[in-house]
PDB file of N, CA and C in Angstrom:
ATOM      1  N   MET A   1      69.492 -57.858 -72.022  1.00  0.00           N
ATOM      2  CA  MET A   1      68.079 -58.075 -72.214  1.00  0.00           C
ATOM      3  C   MET A   1      67.771 -58.038 -73.699  1.00  0.00           C
ATOM      4  N   THR A   2      67.081 -59.050 -74.169  1.00  0.00           N
ATOM      5  CA  THR A   2      66.692 -59.107 -75.569  1.00  0.00           C
ATOM      6  C   THR A   2      65.188 -58.988 -75.646  1.00  0.00           C
ATOM      7  N   SER A   3      64.730 -58.099 -76.479  1.00  0.00           N
ATOM      8  CA  SER A   3      63.293 -57.968 -76.662  1.00  0.00           C
ATOM      9  C   SER A   3      63.010 -57.623 -78.106  1.00  0.00           C
ATOM     10  N   LYS A   4      61.875 -58.050 -78.571  1.00  0.00           N
ATOM     11  CA  LYS A   4      61.458 -57.789 -79.941  1.00  0.00           C
ATOM     12  C   LYS A   4      60.867 -56.390 -80.019  1.00  0.00           C
ATOM     13  N   LYS A   5      61.283 -55.631 -81.031  1.00  0.00           N
ATOM     14  CA  LYS A   5      60.704 -54.313 -81.261  1.00  0.00           C
ATOM     15  C   LYS A   5      59.588 -54.467 -82.287  1.00  0.00           C
ATOM     16  N   TRP A   6      58.439 -53.937 -81.962  1.00  0.00           N
ATOM     17  CA  TRP A   6      57.289 -54.003 -82.854  1.00  0.00           C
ATOM     18  C   TRP A   6      57.257 -52.762 -83.734  1.00  0.00           C
ATOM     19  N   PRO A   7      56.990 -52.940 -85.036  1.00  0.00           N
ATOM     20  CA  PRO A   7      56.821 -51.759 -85.888  1.00  0.00           C
ATOM     21  C   PRO A   7      55.621 -50.948 -85.402  1.00  0.00           C
ATOM     22  N   GLN A   8      55.652 -49.665 -85.598  1.00  0.00           N
ATOM     23  CA  GLN A   8      54.591 -48.789 -85.126  1.00  0.00           C
ATOM     24  C   GLN A   8      53.550 -48.594 -86.233  1.00  0.00           C
ATOM     25  N   THR A   9      52.788 -49.649 -86.527  1.00  0.00           N
ATOM     26  CA  THR A   9      51.747 -49.559 -87.549  1.00  0.00           C
ATOM     27  C   THR A   9      50.430 -50.078 -86.991  1.00  0.00           C
ATOM     28  N   PRO A  10      49.301 -49.591 -87.515  1.00  0.00           N
ATOM     29  CA  PRO A  10      47.997 -50.104 -87.056  1.00  0.00           C
ATOM     30  C   PRO A  10      47.856 -51.609 -87.290  1.00  0.00           C
ATOM     31  N   ASP A  11      48.353 -52.108 -88.432  1.00  0.00           N
ATOM     32  CA  ASP A  11      48.240 -53.539 -88.725  1.00  0.00           C
ATOM     33  C   ASP A  11      48.975 -54.380 -87.688  1.00  0.00           C
ATOM     34  N   THR A  12      50.125 -53.907 -87.247  1.00  0.00           N
ATOM     35  CA  THR A  12      50.891 -54.639 -86.240  1.00  0.00           C
ATOM     36  C   THR A  12      50.090 -54.769 -84.951  1.00  0.00           C
ATOM     37  N   TYR A  13      49.504 -53.668 -84.504  1.00  0.00           N
ATOM     38  CA  TYR A  13      48.742 -53.706 -83.259  1.00  0.00           C
ATOM     39  C   TYR A  13      47.468 -54.529 -83.400  1.00  0.00           C
ATOM     40  N   ASP A  14      46.796 -54.441 -84.537  1.00  0.00           N
ATOM     41  CA  ASP A  14      45.604 -55.266 -84.757  1.00  0.00           C
ATOM     42  C   ASP A  14      45.958 -56.748 -84.667  1.00  0.00           C
ATOM     43  N   ALA A  15      47.021 -57.148 -85.355  1.00  0.00           N
ATOM     44  CA  ALA A  15      47.432 -58.557 -85.344  1.00  0.00           C
ATOM     45  C   ALA A  15      47.866 -58.990 -83.937  1.00  0.00           C
ATOM     46  N   MET A  16      48.588 -58.130 -83.256  1.00  0.00           N
ATOM     47  CA  MET A  16      49.080 -58.453 -81.916  1.00  0.00           C
ATOM     48  C   MET A  16      47.923 -58.679 -80.946  1.00  0.00           C
ATOM     49  N   PHE A  17      46.934 -57.797 -80.962  1.00  0.00           N
ATOM     50  CA  PHE A  17      45.809 -57.939 -80.046  1.00  0.00           C
ATOM     51  C   PHE A  17      44.925 -59.122 -80.411  1.00  0.00           C
ATOM     52  N   LEU A  18      44.739 -59.369 -81.717  1.00  0.00           N
ATOM     53  CA  LEU A  18      43.953 -60.530 -82.136  1.00  0.00           C
ATOM     54  C   LEU A  18      44.608 -61.834 -81.691  1.00  0.00           C
ATOM     55  N   ALA A  19      45.929 -61.854 -81.666  1.00  0.00           N
ATOM     56  CA  ALA A  19      46.656 -63.054 -81.254  1.00  0.00           C
ATOM     57  C   ALA A  19      46.797 -63.136 -79.735  1.00  0.00           C
ATOM     58  N   GLY A  20      46.306 -62.123 -79.020  1.00  0.00           N
ATOM     59  CA  GLY A  20      46.412 -62.131 -77.563  1.00  0.00           C
ATOM     60  C   GLY A  20      47.796 -61.783 -77.070  1.00  0.00           C
ATOM     61  N   GLY A  21      48.598 -61.126 -77.894  1.00  0.00           N
ATOM     62  CA  GLY A  21      49.980 -60.852 -77.536  1.00  0.00           C
ATOM     63  C   GLY A  21      50.215 -59.508 -76.893  1.00  0.00           C
ATOM     64  N   ASP A  22      49.173 -58.840 -76.477  1.00  0.00           N
ATOM     65  CA  ASP A  22      49.353 -57.507 -75.905  1.00  0.00           C
ATOM     66  C   ASP A  22      50.143 -57.522 -74.605  1.00  0.00           C
ATOM     67  N   ALA A  23      50.091 -58.613 -73.856  1.00  0.00           N
ATOM     68  CA  ALA A  23      50.782 -58.661 -72.558  1.00  0.00           C
ATOM     69  C   ALA A  23      52.284 -58.474 -72.726  1.00  0.00           C
ATOM     70  N   GLN A  24      52.841 -58.998 -73.787  1.00  0.00           N
ATOM     71  CA  GLN A  24      54.284 -58.875 -73.992  1.00  0.00           C
ATOM     72  C   GLN A  24      54.700 -57.425 -74.231  1.00  0.00           C
ATOM     73  N   VAL A  25      53.870 -56.634 -74.887  1.00  0.00           N
ATOM     74  CA  VAL A  25      54.202 -55.231 -75.131  1.00  0.00           C
ATOM     75  C   VAL A  25      54.286 -54.480 -73.811  1.00  0.00           C
ATOM     76  N   PHE A  26      53.369 -54.744 -72.912  1.00  0.00           N
ATOM     77  CA  PHE A  26      53.359 -54.044 -71.635  1.00  0.00           C
ATOM     78  C   PHE A  26      54.451 -54.541 -70.699  1.00  0.00           C
ATOM     79  N   GLN A  27      55.033 -55.685 -70.992  1.00  0.00           N
ATOM     80  CA  GLN A  27      56.105 -56.247 -70.176  1.00  0.00           C
ATOM     81  C   GLN A  27      57.482 -55.723 -70.596  1.00  0.00           C
ATOM     82  N   GLN A  28      57.592 -55.147 -71.781  1.00  0.00           N
ATOM     83  CA  GLN A  28      58.888 -54.707 -72.273  1.00  0.00           C
ATOM     84  C   GLN A  28      59.401 -53.492 -71.499  1.00  0.00           C
ATOM     85  N   HIS A  29      60.704 -53.431 -71.360  1.00  0.00           N
ATOM     86  CA  HIS A  29      61.338 -52.308 -70.687  1.00  0.00           C
ATOM     87  C   HIS A  29      61.249 -51.075 -71.584  1.00  0.00           C
ATOM     88  N   TYR A  30      61.211 -49.891 -70.979  1.00  0.00           N
ATOM     89  CA  TYR A  30      61.069 -48.672 -71.771  1.00  0.00           C
ATOM     90  C   TYR A  30      62.227 -48.465 -72.748  1.00  0.00           C
ATOM     91  N   ARG A  31      63.373 -49.043 -72.476  1.00  0.00           N
ATOM     92  CA  ARG A  31      64.503 -48.904 -73.407  1.00  0.00           C
ATOM     93  C   ARG A  31      64.244 -49.638 -74.721  1.00  0.00           C
ATOM     94  N   SER A  32      63.251 -50.534 -74.747  1.00  0.00           N
ATOM     95  CA  SER A  32      62.906 -51.250 -75.975  1.00  0.00           C
ATOM     96  C   SER A  32      62.036 -50.414 -76.903  1.00  0.00           C
ATOM     97  N   SER A  33      61.491 -49.334 -76.391  1.00  0.00           N
ATOM     98  CA  SER A  33      60.598 -48.487 -77.181  1.00  0.00           C
ATOM     99  C   SER A  33      61.371 -47.725 -78.248  1.00  0.00           C
ATOM    100  N   CYS A  34      60.760 -47.594 -79.414  1.00  0.00           N
ATOM    101  CA  CYS A  34      61.391 -46.785 -80.465  1.00  0.00           C
ATOM    102  C   CYS A  34      61.427 -45.316 -80.048  1.00  0.00           C
ATOM    103  N   TYR A  35      60.670 -44.955 -79.019  1.00  0.00           N
ATOM    104  CA  TYR A  35      60.623 -43.583 -78.534  1.00  0.00           C
ATOM    105  C   TYR A  35      61.644 -43.306 -77.426  1.00  0.00           C
ATOM    106  N   TYR A  36      62.432 -44.305 -77.053  1.00  0.00           N
ATOM    107  CA  TYR A  36      63.372 -44.119 -75.949  1.00  0.00           C
ATOM    108  C   TYR A  36      64.288 -42.904 -76.130  1.00  0.00           C
ATOM    109  N   PRO A  37      64.888 -42.676 -77.314  1.00  0.00           N
ATOM    110  CA  PRO A  37      65.734 -41.475 -77.453  1.00  0.00           C
ATOM    111  C   PRO A  37      64.970 -40.175 -77.166  1.00  0.00           C
ATOM    112  N   LEU A  38      63.712 -40.119 -77.575  1.00  0.00           N
ATOM    113  CA  LEU A  38      62.887 -38.943 -77.300  1.00  0.00           C
ATOM    114  C   LEU A  38      62.604 -38.824 -75.808  1.00  0.00           C
ATOM    115  N   PHE A  39      62.216 -39.926 -75.163  1.00  0.00           N
ATOM    116  CA  PHE A  39      61.955 -39.922 -73.721  1.00  0.00           C
ATOM    117  C   PHE A  39      63.193 -39.442 -72.961  1.00  0.00           C
ATOM    118  N   ASP A  40      64.347 -39.960 -73.339  1.00  0.00           N
ATOM    119  CA  ASP A  40      65.598 -39.614 -72.671  1.00  0.00           C
ATOM    120  C   ASP A  40      65.888 -38.121 -72.812  1.00  0.00           C
ATOM    121  N   ARG A  41      65.696 -37.603 -73.994  1.00  0.00           N
ATOM    122  CA  ARG A  41      65.954 -36.170 -74.222  1.00  0.00           C
ATOM    123  C   ARG A  41      64.995 -35.296 -73.411  1.00  0.00           C
ATOM    124  N   ILE A  42      63.712 -35.668 -73.387  1.00  0.00           N
ATOM    125  CA  ILE A  42      62.731 -34.890 -72.625  1.00  0.00           C
ATOM    126  C   ILE A  42      63.071 -34.909 -71.136  1.00  0.00           C
ATOM    127  N   GLU A  43      63.460 -36.075 -70.623  1.00  0.00           N
ATOM    128  CA  GLU A  43      63.813 -36.164 -69.203  1.00  0.00           C
ATOM    129  C   GLU A  43      65.013 -35.278 -68.885  1.00  0.00           C
ATOM    130  N   LYS A  44      65.975 -35.229 -69.777  1.00  0.00           N
ATOM    131  CA  LYS A  44      67.146 -34.376 -69.557  1.00  0.00           C
ATOM    132  C   LYS A  44      66.756 -32.901 -69.535  1.00  0.00           C
ATOM    133  N   ILE A  45      65.825 -32.515 -70.394  1.00  0.00           N
ATOM    134  CA  ILE A  45      65.337 -31.128 -70.398  1.00  0.00           C
ATOM    135  C   ILE A  45      64.624 -30.821 -69.084  1.00  0.00           C
ATOM    136  N   LEU A  46      63.759 -31.734 -68.635  1.00  0.00           N
ATOM    137  CA  LEU A  46      63.051 -31.543 -67.363  1.00  0.00           C
ATOM    138  C   LEU A  46      64.048 -31.382 -66.216  1.00  0.00           C
ATOM    139  N   SER A  47      65.042 -32.244 -66.210  1.00  0.00           N
ATOM    140  CA  SER A  47      66.043 -32.219 -65.141  1.00  0.00           C
ATOM    141  C   SER A  47      66.830 -30.913 -65.142  1.00  0.00           C
ATOM    142  N   ARG A  48      67.288 -30.488 -66.308  1.00  0.00           N
ATOM    143  CA  ARG A  48      68.058 -29.233 -66.407  1.00  0.00           C
ATOM    144  C   ARG A  48      67.253 -28.032 -65.929  1.00  0.00           C
ATOM    145  N   ARG A  49      65.955 -28.069 -66.155  1.00  0.00           N
ATOM    146  CA  ARG A  49      65.101 -26.950 -65.757  1.00  0.00           C
ATOM    147  C   ARG A  49      64.626 -27.061 -64.314  1.00  0.00           C
ATOM    148  N   GLY A  50      64.981 -28.151 -63.649  1.00  0.00           N
ATOM    149  CA  GLY A  50      64.604 -28.321 -62.251  1.00  0.00           C
ATOM    150  C   GLY A  50      63.135 -28.678 -62.048  1.00  0.00           C
ATOM    151  N   LEU A  51      62.495 -29.183 -63.088  1.00  0.00           N
ATOM    152  CA  LEU A  51      61.077 -29.549 -62.986  1.00  0.00           C
ATOM    153  C   LEU A  51      60.944 -30.924 -62.351  1.00  0.00           C
ATOM    154  N   THR A  52      60.004 -31.067 -61.430  1.00  0.00           N
ATOM    155  CA  THR A  52      59.845 -32.340 -60.717  1.00  0.00           C
ATOM    156  C   THR A  52      58.430 -32.895 -60.800  1.00  0.00           C
ATOM    157  N   ARG A  53      57.482 -32.102 -61.276  1.00  0.00           N
ATOM    158  CA  ARG A  53      56.094 -32.568 -61.372  1.00  0.00           C
ATOM    159  C   ARG A  53      55.740 -32.733 -62.836  1.00  0.00           C
ATOM    160  N   VAL A  54      55.287 -33.933 -63.196  1.00  0.00           N
ATOM    161  CA  VAL A  54      54.999 -34.249 -64.588  1.00  0.00           C
ATOM    162  C   VAL A  54      53.644 -34.932 -64.683  1.00  0.00           C
ATOM    163  N   LEU A  55      52.825 -34.474 -65.600  1.00  0.00           N
ATOM    164  CA  LEU A  55      51.584 -35.160 -65.939  1.00  0.00           C
ATOM    165  C   LEU A  55      51.811 -35.816 -67.290  1.00  0.00           C
ATOM    166  N   GLU A  56      51.925 -37.130 -67.291  1.00  0.00           N
ATOM    167  CA  GLU A  56      52.184 -37.879 -68.510  1.00  0.00           C
ATOM    168  C   GLU A  56      50.866 -38.482 -68.966  1.00  0.00           C
ATOM    169  N   VAL A  57      50.369 -38.025 -70.105  1.00  0.00           N
ATOM    170  CA  VAL A  57      49.092 -38.498 -70.632  1.00  0.00           C
ATOM    171  C   VAL A  57      49.330 -39.052 -72.018  1.00  0.00           C
ATOM    172  N   GLY A  58      48.863 -40.245 -72.252  1.00  0.00           N
ATOM    173  CA  GLY A  58      49.031 -40.825 -73.581  1.00  0.00           C
ATOM    174  C   GLY A  58      48.339 -42.156 -73.680  1.00  0.00           C
ATOM    175  N   CYS A  59      48.332 -42.684 -74.866  1.00  0.00           N
ATOM    176  CA  CYS A  59      47.730 -44.005 -75.089  1.00  0.00           C
ATOM    177  C   CYS A  59      48.859 -44.958 -75.444  1.00  0.00           C
ATOM    178  N   GLY A  60      49.494 -45.452 -74.449  1.00  0.00           N
ATOM    179  CA  GLY A  60      50.617 -46.350 -74.684  1.00  0.00           C
ATOM    180  C   GLY A  60      50.840 -47.229 -73.481  1.00  0.00           C
ATOM    181  N   THR A  61      52.060 -47.681 -73.345  1.00  0.00           N
ATOM    182  CA  THR A  61      52.398 -48.622 -72.281  1.00  0.00           C
ATOM    183  C   THR A  61      52.873 -47.946 -71.009  1.00  0.00           C
ATOM    184  N   GLY A  62      52.972 -46.621 -71.018  1.00  0.00           N
ATOM    185  CA  GLY A  62      53.464 -45.906 -69.852  1.00  0.00           C
ATOM    186  C   GLY A  62      54.973 -45.892 -69.769  1.00  0.00           C
ATOM    187  N   ALA A  63      55.632 -46.103 -70.903  1.00  0.00           N
ATOM    188  CA  ALA A  63      57.090 -46.196 -70.924  1.00  0.00           C
ATOM    189  C   ALA A  63      57.759 -44.928 -70.399  1.00  0.00           C
ATOM    190  N   PHE A  64      57.272 -43.758 -70.804  1.00  0.00           N
ATOM    191  CA  PHE A  64      57.891 -42.512 -70.348  1.00  0.00           C
ATOM    192  C   PHE A  64      57.710 -42.348 -68.843  1.00  0.00           C
ATOM    193  N   ALA A  65      56.527 -42.664 -68.342  1.00  0.00           N
ATOM    194  CA  ALA A  65      56.289 -42.581 -66.894  1.00  0.00           C
ATOM    195  C   ALA A  65      57.220 -43.534 -66.147  1.00  0.00           C
ATOM    196  N   HIS A  66      57.427 -44.734 -66.683  1.00  0.00           N
ATOM    197  CA  HIS A  66      58.345 -45.686 -66.052  1.00  0.00           C
ATOM    198  C   HIS A  66      59.768 -45.141 -66.034  1.00  0.00           C
ATOM    199  N   LEU A  67      60.194 -44.517 -67.119  1.00  0.00           N
ATOM    200  CA  LEU A  67      61.530 -43.921 -67.167  1.00  0.00           C
ATOM    201  C   LEU A  67      61.670 -42.873 -66.071  1.00  0.00           C
ATOM    202  N   LEU A  68      60.684 -41.986 -65.952  1.00  0.00           N
ATOM    203  CA  LEU A  68      60.745 -40.929 -64.940  1.00  0.00           C
ATOM    204  C   LEU A  68      60.782 -41.507 -63.522  1.00  0.00           C
ATOM    205  N   MET A  69      59.955 -42.497 -63.267  1.00  0.00           N
ATOM    206  CA  MET A  69      59.914 -43.095 -61.928  1.00  0.00           C
ATOM    207  C   MET A  69      61.219 -43.813 -61.607  1.00  0.00           C
ATOM    208  N   GLU A  70      61.802 -44.475 -62.583  1.00  0.00           N
ATOM    209  CA  GLU A  70      63.043 -45.197 -62.355  1.00  0.00           C
ATOM    210  C   GLU A  70      64.208 -44.234 -62.100  1.00  0.00           C
ATOM    211  N   ARG A  71      64.227 -43.137 -62.807  1.00  0.00           N
ATOM    212  CA  ARG A  71      65.311 -42.155 -62.630  1.00  0.00           C
ATOM    213  C   ARG A  71      65.128 -41.361 -61.341  1.00  0.00           C
ATOM    214  N   GLY A  72      63.914 -41.282 -60.854  1.00  0.00           N
ATOM    215  CA  GLY A  72      63.655 -40.648 -59.568  1.00  0.00           C
ATOM    216  C   GLY A  72      63.604 -39.137 -59.617  1.00  0.00           C
ATOM    217  N   GLY A  73      63.029 -38.566 -58.558  1.00  0.00           N
ATOM    218  CA  GLY A  73      62.961 -37.125 -58.443  1.00  0.00           C
ATOM    219  C   GLY A  73      61.733 -36.498 -59.091  1.00  0.00           C
ATOM    220  N   TYR A  74      60.833 -37.327 -59.580  1.00  0.00           N
ATOM    221  CA  TYR A  74      59.633 -36.823 -60.234  1.00  0.00           C
ATOM    222  C   TYR A  74      58.387 -37.336 -59.516  1.00  0.00           C
ATOM    223  N   GLU A  75      57.338 -36.520 -59.577  1.00  0.00           N
ATOM    224  CA  GLU A  75      56.037 -36.986 -59.062  1.00  0.00           C
ATOM    225  C   GLU A  75      55.006 -36.782 -60.132  1.00  0.00           C
TER     226      GLU A  75
END
């Protein structure tokens, strides 16, 4: 899978939304996120501790929630 990684700057998001390109960001797989290593580490910590209930709150594409749902065992 090939996907473009967007820099994490306000100018990038302003230009992307003005061009109507926001749909592509929400279509990208969570592994394309620059935060994927962090998401992966957090999920491993949750798993080791036996935690299964997660409230994921943020202003993003829901990448971490998608990772948790795909790996299973979380609500």
